[in-house]
Amino acid sequence: MRTLLILLLISFGINSSAQENYSEKAFDLRLFSSSSDHWYRIKDKNNIIDPLPDQQRYKPTQITQIADNMLLYQRNNGGWPKNYDMQAILNEKQKQRLLKTKDELHTTFDNGTSYTQVNYLAQIYTKTKILKYKEACLKGFQFILDAQYKNGGWPQYYPLQNNYSRHITFNDGAYMGIMNLLKKVTADSPEFAFLPTALRHQLEAAYKKGINCILDCQITDQGKLTAWCQQHDEETLKATWARAYEPPSICNGESVPIVFFLMQLEKPDERVINAIQGAVKWFSDSRIFNTRIEWFDAPTEETPFTTITKDKRVVNDPSAPPIWTRFYELETERPLFCDRNSKFLYSMAEVSRERRVGYGWYTDAPQYVLNAYPDWLKRTGITENVIEN
């Protein structure tokens, strides 16, 4: 096994005995935090490797060591599996286990995966000019291109699986994470100057298709443009089921990054403007007032997923800022909740405790869009304010 490890390290161009020190600057690792948190906090029998009780971590300034971790995790199809800590200092056994899974195809964009590694590796290559990081980055970009549907959307997992992960996925920032990466490419960001011209053109085309798909997916409900669902059917583009407690609905939290992305587009055309105006009006109209979510201590409960020591409830509070539910029912536009049995519920109190505390049923994220809206109007010169009254 050690021979296999050495051969694969050599094929990656990794010098396992010495590394040049590029520690004077750390790159942003925050987008990896979701995967890291899942690895340490949630028990998952499908993990390739599990964290050790005393798992040590590289410092953010140890950029080549972190990048080498990314190369270990990268699959031969160019993508990455989710829910691991890219900063973890892996022992020999953990490394060998990862190397044995190179041909597995369980690769994803979920929980800040794949597009984050591609972005990080581009920064590392630009700084170090170490070829193995460029090659891994290019493979990652090709994975993104391969995974894109003809209609411009991206699934949660690629290659496609026979479950909800086939759907176009806005949940957990998957779609918008890819789009923000491609936006940097189209904006000629310096860390992507090394991209071959042909690949750059492919990525620019994918970016344009991605924008069109976003606009095509926006939900029209009761005759008006609203927002987006967490998942949209990959063929019809309609809002659709994801996990058992994630119903077809208008999903405010997941829609916020979409609207911010559209607001950042220079010289938005009429369709983009209408999409933003529709979503902003929807956020304004769907506000919930006098409501606060309160956490409190509760008896310990063991579940197959985690140990619960808290509970939460809705409290009436006239001083509370506006809040939104995660889901709004299509056609009725009522706040919507769900449990693992997929039954529609209309209050968080009806949800089982495990799902009640283990899922974000309320959000204040749309307020950030409403706060940014006046500046967007001013910057674009648009005079119609859809929330003036």
Protein backbone atom coordinates (compact mmCIF):
# COMPACT_ATOMS: atom_id res chain seq x y z
CA MET A 1 0.00 0.00 0.00
CA ARG A 2 2.86 2.38 0.76
CA THR A 3 4.17 1.81 -2.77
CA LEU A 4 0.76 2.75 -4.17
CA LEU A 5 0.79 5.91 -2.09
CA ILE A 6 4.26 6.93 -3.30
CA LEU A 7 3.40 6.23 -6.95
CA LEU A 8 0.23 8.27 -6.77
CA LEU A 9 1.95 11.12 -4.97
CA ILE A 10 4.59 11.18 -7.67
CA SER A 11 1.91 11.16 -10.37
CA PHE A 12 0.36 14.21 -8.71
CA GLY A 13 3.73 15.90 -8.65
CA ILE A 14 3.68 15.92 -4.85
CA ASN A 15 7.05 15.89 -3.11
CA SER A 16 6.22 14.08 0.11
CA SER A 17 9.57 14.79 1.74
CA ALA A 18 9.85 18.56 1.38
CA GLN A 19 7.81 21.58 0.41
CA GLU A 20 8.66 25.15 -0.39
CA ASN A 21 7.20 27.57 2.15
CA TYR A 22 4.53 29.91 0.77
CA SER A 23 3.18 30.92 4.15
CA GLU A 24 3.17 34.69 3.85
CA LYS A 25 -0.47 34.81 2.75
CA ALA A 26 -3.51 32.74 3.67
CA PHE A 27 -6.45 32.38 1.28
CA ASP A 28 -10.06 32.47 2.39
CA LEU A 29 -11.23 29.08 3.67
CA ARG A 30 -14.65 30.07 4.93
CA LEU A 31 -16.52 28.41 2.07
CA PHE A 32 -15.15 25.07 3.25
CA SER A 33 -16.67 25.46 6.71
CA SER A 34 -19.93 23.66 5.91
CA SER A 35 -18.18 20.49 4.83
CA SER A 36 -15.78 20.66 7.76
CA ASP A 37 -18.61 21.13 10.22
CA HIS A 38 -20.47 18.12 8.82
CA TRP A 39 -17.38 15.93 9.11
CA TYR A 40 -16.78 16.70 12.76
CA ARG A 41 -20.37 17.03 13.95
CA ILE A 42 -22.52 14.50 12.08
CA LYS A 43 -22.15 10.74 12.21
CA ASP A 44 -22.17 9.35 8.65
CA LYS A 45 -21.57 5.67 7.97
CA ASN A 46 -20.75 6.55 4.35
CA ASN A 47 -17.68 8.60 5.24
CA ILE A 48 -14.50 7.45 3.53
CA ILE A 49 -12.53 8.50 6.58
CA ASP A 50 -13.66 9.78 9.96
CA PRO A 51 -12.00 12.45 12.08
CA LEU A 52 -9.63 11.27 14.78
CA PRO A 53 -10.31 12.28 18.40
CA ASP A 54 -7.22 14.49 18.27
CA GLN A 55 -7.33 15.42 14.57
CA GLN A 56 -4.88 18.26 14.03
CA ARG A 57 -5.34 20.95 11.39
CA TYR A 58 -3.08 22.93 9.11
CA LYS A 59 -2.92 26.65 9.70
CA PRO A 60 -4.57 28.76 6.97
CA THR A 61 -1.10 30.01 6.01
CA GLN A 62 0.04 26.46 5.16
CA ILE A 63 -1.45 26.83 1.72
CA THR A 64 0.45 24.11 -0.17
CA GLN A 65 -0.28 21.51 2.49
CA ILE A 66 -3.99 22.36 2.30
CA ALA A 67 -3.86 22.27 -1.50
CA ASP A 68 -2.19 18.85 -1.37
CA ASN A 69 -5.08 17.65 0.78
CA MET A 70 -7.42 18.79 -1.97
CA LEU A 71 -5.49 16.74 -4.49
CA LEU A 72 -5.84 13.68 -2.26
CA TYR A 73 -9.60 14.12 -2.06
CA GLN A 74 -10.10 14.92 -5.77
CA ARG A 75 -11.59 12.05 -7.75
CA ASN A 76 -10.40 11.02 -11.19
CA ASN A 77 -13.50 12.59 -12.76
CA GLY A 78 -12.32 15.99 -11.50
CA GLY A 79 -14.86 16.44 -8.70
CA TRP A 80 -14.77 16.06 -4.92
CA PRO A 81 -16.79 14.22 -2.27
CA LYS A 82 -18.43 16.38 0.39
CA ASN A 83 -18.17 16.76 4.15
CA TYR A 84 -14.47 16.57 4.88
CA ASP A 85 -12.04 19.07 6.38
CA MET A 86 -9.50 20.27 3.82
CA GLN A 87 -7.31 21.55 6.67
CA ALA A 88 -7.13 18.26 8.55
CA ILE A 89 -3.60 16.85 8.90
CA LEU A 90 -4.18 13.32 7.67
CA ASN A 91 -2.24 10.32 8.87
CA GLU A 92 -0.87 7.67 6.55
CA LYS A 93 -3.89 5.38 6.95
CA GLN A 94 -6.33 8.19 6.10
CA LYS A 95 -4.31 9.16 3.03
CA GLN A 96 -4.17 5.60 1.75
CA ARG A 97 -7.94 5.24 2.20
CA LEU A 98 -8.54 8.37 0.13
CA LEU A 99 -6.21 7.21 -2.62
CA LYS A 100 -8.17 3.93 -2.91
CA THR A 101 -11.37 5.90 -3.73
CA LYS A 102 -10.00 7.89 -6.65
CA ASP A 103 -12.21 6.05 -9.15
CA GLU A 104 -15.41 6.45 -7.14
CA LEU A 105 -17.97 8.79 -8.70
CA HIS A 106 -19.77 10.10 -5.63
CA THR A 107 -18.86 13.71 -6.40
CA THR A 108 -20.91 16.79 -5.68
CA PHE A 109 -21.38 20.55 -5.41
CA ASP A 110 -23.23 20.25 -2.11
CA ASN A 111 -22.04 21.88 1.10
CA GLY A 112 -19.50 24.09 -0.65
CA THR A 113 -17.77 21.31 -2.56
CA SER A 114 -15.84 21.13 -5.86
CA TYR A 115 -16.24 24.76 -6.97
CA THR A 116 -14.50 25.84 -3.76
CA GLN A 117 -11.55 23.53 -4.35
CA VAL A 118 -11.27 24.74 -7.95
CA ASN A 119 -11.15 28.36 -6.80
CA TYR A 120 -8.59 27.64 -4.09
CA LEU A 121 -6.32 25.66 -6.40
CA ALA A 122 -6.41 28.47 -8.96
CA GLN A 123 -5.18 30.90 -6.30
CA ILE A 124 -2.46 28.50 -5.17
CA TYR A 125 -1.22 27.88 -8.71
CA THR A 126 -1.19 31.59 -9.51
CA LYS A 127 0.92 32.21 -6.43
CA THR A 128 3.26 29.18 -6.56
CA LYS A 129 3.31 28.19 -10.27
CA ILE A 130 3.41 24.55 -9.13
CA LEU A 131 2.03 22.59 -12.07
CA LYS A 132 0.10 19.94 -10.13
CA TYR A 133 -2.28 22.61 -8.79
CA LYS A 134 -2.99 23.93 -12.27
CA GLU A 135 -3.71 20.43 -13.56
CA ALA A 136 -6.09 19.69 -10.68
CA CYS A 137 -7.83 23.03 -11.18
CA LEU A 138 -8.34 22.40 -14.89
CA LYS A 139 -9.78 18.95 -14.13
CA GLY A 140 -12.16 20.60 -11.69
CA PHE A 141 -13.33 23.10 -14.27
CA GLN A 142 -13.94 20.28 -16.74
CA PHE A 143 -16.01 18.51 -14.07
CA ILE A 144 -18.17 21.64 -13.79
CA LEU A 145 -18.66 21.73 -17.56
CA ASP A 146 -19.45 18.02 -17.74
CA ALA A 147 -22.04 18.32 -14.98
CA GLN A 148 -24.00 21.21 -16.53
CA TYR A 149 -27.34 20.38 -18.11
CA LYS A 150 -28.07 21.60 -21.63
CA ASN A 151 -30.64 23.98 -20.14
CA GLY A 152 -27.86 25.60 -18.10
CA GLY A 153 -28.57 24.15 -14.65
CA TRP A 154 -26.45 21.96 -12.38
CA PRO A 155 -27.45 18.93 -10.32
CA GLN A 156 -26.34 18.42 -6.75
CA TYR A 157 -24.31 15.31 -7.67
CA TYR A 158 -22.51 14.34 -10.84
CA PRO A 159 -22.47 11.75 -12.33
CA LEU A 160 -26.25 11.74 -11.98
CA GLN A 161 -27.93 9.54 -9.37
CA ASN A 162 -31.44 8.11 -9.34
CA ASN A 163 -32.75 10.37 -6.60
CA TYR A 164 -33.56 14.01 -5.92
CA SER A 165 -29.91 15.02 -6.36
CA ARG A 166 -30.52 14.94 -10.12
CA HIS A 167 -32.60 18.10 -9.81
CA ILE A 168 -31.22 21.56 -10.45
CA THR A 169 -30.02 22.51 -6.98
CA PHE A 170 -30.05 25.99 -5.47
CA ASN A 171 -29.92 24.52 -1.96
CA ASP A 172 -26.86 25.21 0.21
CA GLY A 173 -25.40 27.55 -2.39
CA ALA A 174 -24.51 24.80 -4.88
CA TYR A 175 -25.69 26.50 -8.08
CA MET A 176 -24.70 30.01 -7.05
CA GLY A 177 -21.32 28.86 -5.84
CA ILE A 178 -20.59 27.63 -9.34
CA MET A 179 -21.94 30.81 -10.89
CA ASN A 180 -19.85 33.07 -8.67
CA LEU A 181 -16.78 31.08 -9.64
CA LEU A 182 -17.60 31.40 -13.36
CA LYS A 183 -18.30 35.09 -12.90
CA LYS A 184 -14.70 35.56 -11.78
CA VAL A 185 -13.53 33.82 -14.94
CA THR A 186 -15.69 36.01 -17.19
CA ALA A 187 -14.48 39.12 -15.33
CA ASP A 188 -10.86 38.22 -16.11
CA SER A 189 -9.93 37.84 -12.46
CA PRO A 190 -6.10 37.56 -12.26
CA GLU A 191 -6.06 34.15 -10.56
CA PHE A 192 -7.58 32.62 -13.69
CA ALA A 193 -5.20 34.20 -16.20
CA PHE A 194 -3.61 30.78 -16.82
CA LEU A 195 -6.78 29.24 -18.27
CA PRO A 196 -6.44 28.09 -21.90
CA THR A 197 -8.44 30.21 -24.32
CA ALA A 198 -10.65 27.34 -25.47
CA LEU A 199 -11.56 26.40 -21.90
CA ARG A 200 -12.21 30.03 -21.00
CA HIS A 201 -14.69 30.30 -23.88
CA GLN A 202 -16.46 27.14 -22.71
CA LEU A 203 -16.71 28.52 -19.18
CA GLU A 204 -18.05 31.84 -20.44
CA ALA A 205 -20.73 30.00 -22.44
CA ALA A 206 -21.62 27.91 -19.38
CA TYR A 207 -21.97 31.10 -17.36
CA LYS A 208 -24.43 32.62 -19.84
CA LYS A 209 -26.46 29.42 -19.94
CA GLY A 210 -26.47 29.41 -16.15
CA ILE A 211 -27.99 32.89 -16.03
CA ASN A 212 -30.71 31.93 -18.50
CA CYS A 213 -31.56 28.85 -16.44
CA ILE A 214 -31.87 30.94 -13.28
CA LEU A 215 -34.39 33.19 -15.02
CA ASP A 216 -36.24 30.22 -16.49
CA CYS A 217 -36.61 28.64 -13.04
CA GLN A 218 -38.10 31.65 -11.25
CA ILE A 219 -41.53 30.72 -9.92
CA THR A 220 -44.62 32.52 -11.18
CA ASP A 221 -47.30 32.10 -8.51
CA GLN A 222 -50.78 33.61 -8.54
CA GLY A 223 -49.83 35.41 -11.74
CA LYS A 224 -46.72 37.16 -10.42
CA LEU A 225 -42.99 36.50 -10.33
CA THR A 226 -41.87 35.41 -6.88
CA ALA A 227 -38.64 33.60 -6.00
CA TRP A 228 -37.13 30.12 -6.44
CA CYS A 229 -37.38 26.66 -4.93
CA GLN A 230 -34.46 24.75 -3.41
CA GLN A 231 -34.65 22.25 -6.27
CA HIS A 232 -36.14 22.50 -9.73
CA ASP A 233 -36.93 19.57 -12.00
CA GLU A 234 -34.05 19.14 -14.40
CA GLU A 235 -36.41 18.80 -17.38
CA THR A 236 -39.52 20.89 -16.65
CA LEU A 237 -37.70 23.43 -14.40
CA LYS A 238 -40.69 23.41 -12.05
CA ALA A 239 -40.28 23.47 -8.27
CA THR A 240 -39.94 19.91 -7.02
CA TRP A 241 -39.33 17.71 -3.99
CA ALA A 242 -35.85 17.22 -2.61
CA ARG A 243 -35.54 15.43 0.74
CA ALA A 244 -38.73 14.18 2.39
CA TYR A 245 -39.11 17.40 4.40
CA GLU A 246 -38.21 19.74 1.50
CA PRO A 247 -41.38 20.19 -0.59
CA PRO A 248 -42.00 22.06 -3.84
CA SER A 249 -42.43 25.61 -2.57
CA ILE A 250 -41.18 29.18 -2.72
CA CYS A 251 -37.93 29.10 -0.74
CA ASN A 252 -36.87 32.50 0.51
CA GLY A 253 -33.53 31.61 2.07
CA GLU A 254 -32.16 29.88 -1.02
CA SER A 255 -33.45 32.68 -3.23
CA VAL A 256 -31.43 35.41 -1.53
CA PRO A 257 -28.04 34.50 -3.08
CA ILE A 258 -29.75 34.30 -6.47
CA VAL A 259 -31.12 37.83 -6.18
CA PHE A 260 -27.80 39.20 -4.94
CA PHE A 261 -26.07 37.58 -7.90
CA LEU A 262 -28.54 39.14 -10.35
CA MET A 263 -28.17 42.52 -8.66
CA GLN A 264 -24.43 42.42 -9.32
CA LEU A 265 -24.83 42.00 -13.07
CA GLU A 266 -23.66 45.01 -15.03
CA LYS A 267 -26.19 46.51 -17.44
CA PRO A 268 -29.04 44.13 -16.56
CA ASP A 269 -31.50 43.52 -19.37
CA GLU A 270 -35.27 43.75 -18.97
CA ARG A 271 -35.64 40.11 -18.02
CA VAL A 272 -33.07 40.36 -15.23
CA ILE A 273 -34.64 43.58 -13.96
CA ASN A 274 -38.08 41.98 -13.88
CA ALA A 275 -36.68 38.96 -12.03
CA ILE A 276 -35.13 41.17 -9.35
CA GLN A 277 -38.20 43.36 -9.01
CA GLY A 278 -40.45 40.32 -8.72
CA ALA A 279 -38.30 38.70 -6.06
CA VAL A 280 -37.92 41.92 -4.05
CA LYS A 281 -41.68 42.47 -4.10
CA TRP A 282 -42.19 38.88 -2.98
CA PHE A 283 -39.72 39.27 -0.10
CA SER A 284 -41.51 42.41 0.99
CA ASP A 285 -44.98 40.85 0.77
CA SER A 286 -44.01 37.60 2.56
CA ARG A 287 -42.55 39.24 5.67
CA ILE A 288 -43.74 37.91 9.02
CA PHE A 289 -43.93 40.40 11.90
CA ASN A 290 -44.05 40.12 15.70
CA THR A 291 -42.31 36.75 15.60
CA ARG A 292 -39.12 35.51 17.24
CA ILE A 293 -37.59 32.03 17.38
CA GLU A 294 -36.49 31.03 20.87
CA TRP A 295 -34.11 28.21 21.80
CA PHE A 296 -34.41 26.56 25.22
CA ASP A 297 -32.95 23.66 27.17
CA ALA A 298 -34.84 20.38 26.92
CA PRO A 299 -34.33 16.74 27.97
CA THR A 300 -31.54 14.95 26.10
CA GLU A 301 -32.77 12.88 23.18
CA GLU A 302 -30.71 10.44 21.10
CA THR A 303 -31.57 10.21 17.41
CA PRO A 304 -29.98 8.23 14.54
CA PHE A 305 -28.43 11.51 13.43
CA THR A 306 -27.24 13.37 16.52
CA THR A 307 -27.80 13.97 20.22
CA ILE A 308 -30.37 16.68 20.98
CA THR A 309 -30.23 18.78 24.14
CA LYS A 310 -32.20 21.82 22.96
CA ASP A 311 -35.58 22.66 21.51
CA LYS A 312 -37.02 25.78 19.87
CA ARG A 313 -40.38 27.52 19.61
CA VAL A 314 -42.08 30.49 18.02
CA VAL A 315 -42.62 33.43 20.37
CA ASN A 316 -44.82 36.47 19.82
CA ASP A 317 -42.62 39.58 20.10
CA PRO A 318 -43.85 42.99 18.85
CA SER A 319 -40.27 44.29 18.92
CA ALA A 320 -38.87 41.53 16.71
CA PRO A 321 -37.57 42.45 13.23
CA PRO A 322 -39.26 40.90 10.18
CA ILE A 323 -38.66 37.21 9.61
CA TRP A 324 -39.54 34.69 6.89
CA THR A 325 -40.22 30.98 6.84
CA ARG A 326 -37.98 28.82 4.71
CA PHE A 327 -40.91 27.48 2.67
CA TYR A 328 -44.12 29.06 1.37
CA GLU A 329 -46.80 26.84 -0.09
CA LEU A 330 -47.38 27.18 -3.82
CA GLU A 331 -50.75 28.71 -4.78
CA THR A 332 -51.80 29.51 -1.18
CA GLU A 333 -48.46 31.19 -0.27
CA ARG A 334 -48.91 30.10 3.34
CA PRO A 335 -45.84 29.47 5.53
CA LEU A 336 -45.12 25.78 5.15
CA PHE A 337 -43.34 23.15 7.23
CA CYS A 338 -42.75 19.46 6.69
CA ASP A 339 -41.46 16.37 8.47
CA ARG A 340 -39.65 13.22 7.41
CA ASN A 341 -43.01 11.70 6.43
CA SER A 342 -43.49 14.51 3.85
CA LYS A 343 -46.79 15.62 5.39
CA PHE A 344 -47.52 19.33 4.95
CA LEU A 345 -47.67 21.20 8.26
CA TYR A 346 -48.46 24.83 8.96
CA SER A 347 -46.58 25.56 12.16
CA MET A 348 -43.11 24.68 13.42
CA ALA A 349 -44.63 23.26 16.60
CA GLU A 350 -46.14 20.42 14.57
CA VAL A 351 -42.73 19.29 13.31
CA SER A 352 -41.01 16.48 15.22
CA ARG A 353 -38.34 17.67 17.63
CA GLU A 354 -35.51 16.08 15.64
CA ARG A 355 -36.44 18.03 12.50
CA ARG A 356 -37.57 21.10 14.42
CA VAL A 357 -34.14 21.69 15.94
CA GLY A 358 -32.14 20.10 13.11
CA TYR A 359 -33.34 22.32 10.28
CA GLY A 360 -33.54 26.05 9.59
CA TRP A 361 -37.27 26.72 9.33
CA TYR A 362 -37.01 30.50 9.61
CA THR A 363 -34.62 33.00 8.05
CA ASP A 364 -33.87 36.72 8.11
CA ALA A 365 -31.79 36.57 4.91
CA PRO A 366 -34.32 38.39 2.66
CA GLN A 367 -33.86 41.51 4.76
CA TYR A 368 -30.35 41.87 3.36
CA VAL A 369 -31.81 42.02 -0.14
CA LEU A 370 -34.40 44.59 0.93
CA ASN A 371 -31.62 46.66 2.51
CA ALA A 372 -29.55 46.51 -0.69
CA TYR A 373 -32.46 47.25 -3.01
CA PRO A 374 -32.38 51.10 -2.82
CA ASP A 375 -28.68 51.13 -3.76
CA TRP A 376 -29.38 48.80 -6.69
CA LEU A 377 -32.11 51.14 -7.93
CA LYS A 378 -29.77 54.10 -7.67
CA ARG A 379 -26.86 52.32 -9.37
CA THR A 380 -28.97 51.10 -12.30
CA GLY A 381 -31.04 54.25 -12.67
CA ILE A 382 -34.28 52.28 -12.36
CA THR A 383 -37.06 54.49 -11.03
CA GLU A 384 -39.76 51.93 -10.19
CA ASN A 385 -39.55 51.08 -6.48
CA VAL A 386 -41.76 48.04 -5.92
CA ILE A 387 -41.74 48.39 -2.12
CA GLU A 388 -42.32 52.14 -1.73
CA ASN A 389 -45.74 51.67 -0.25
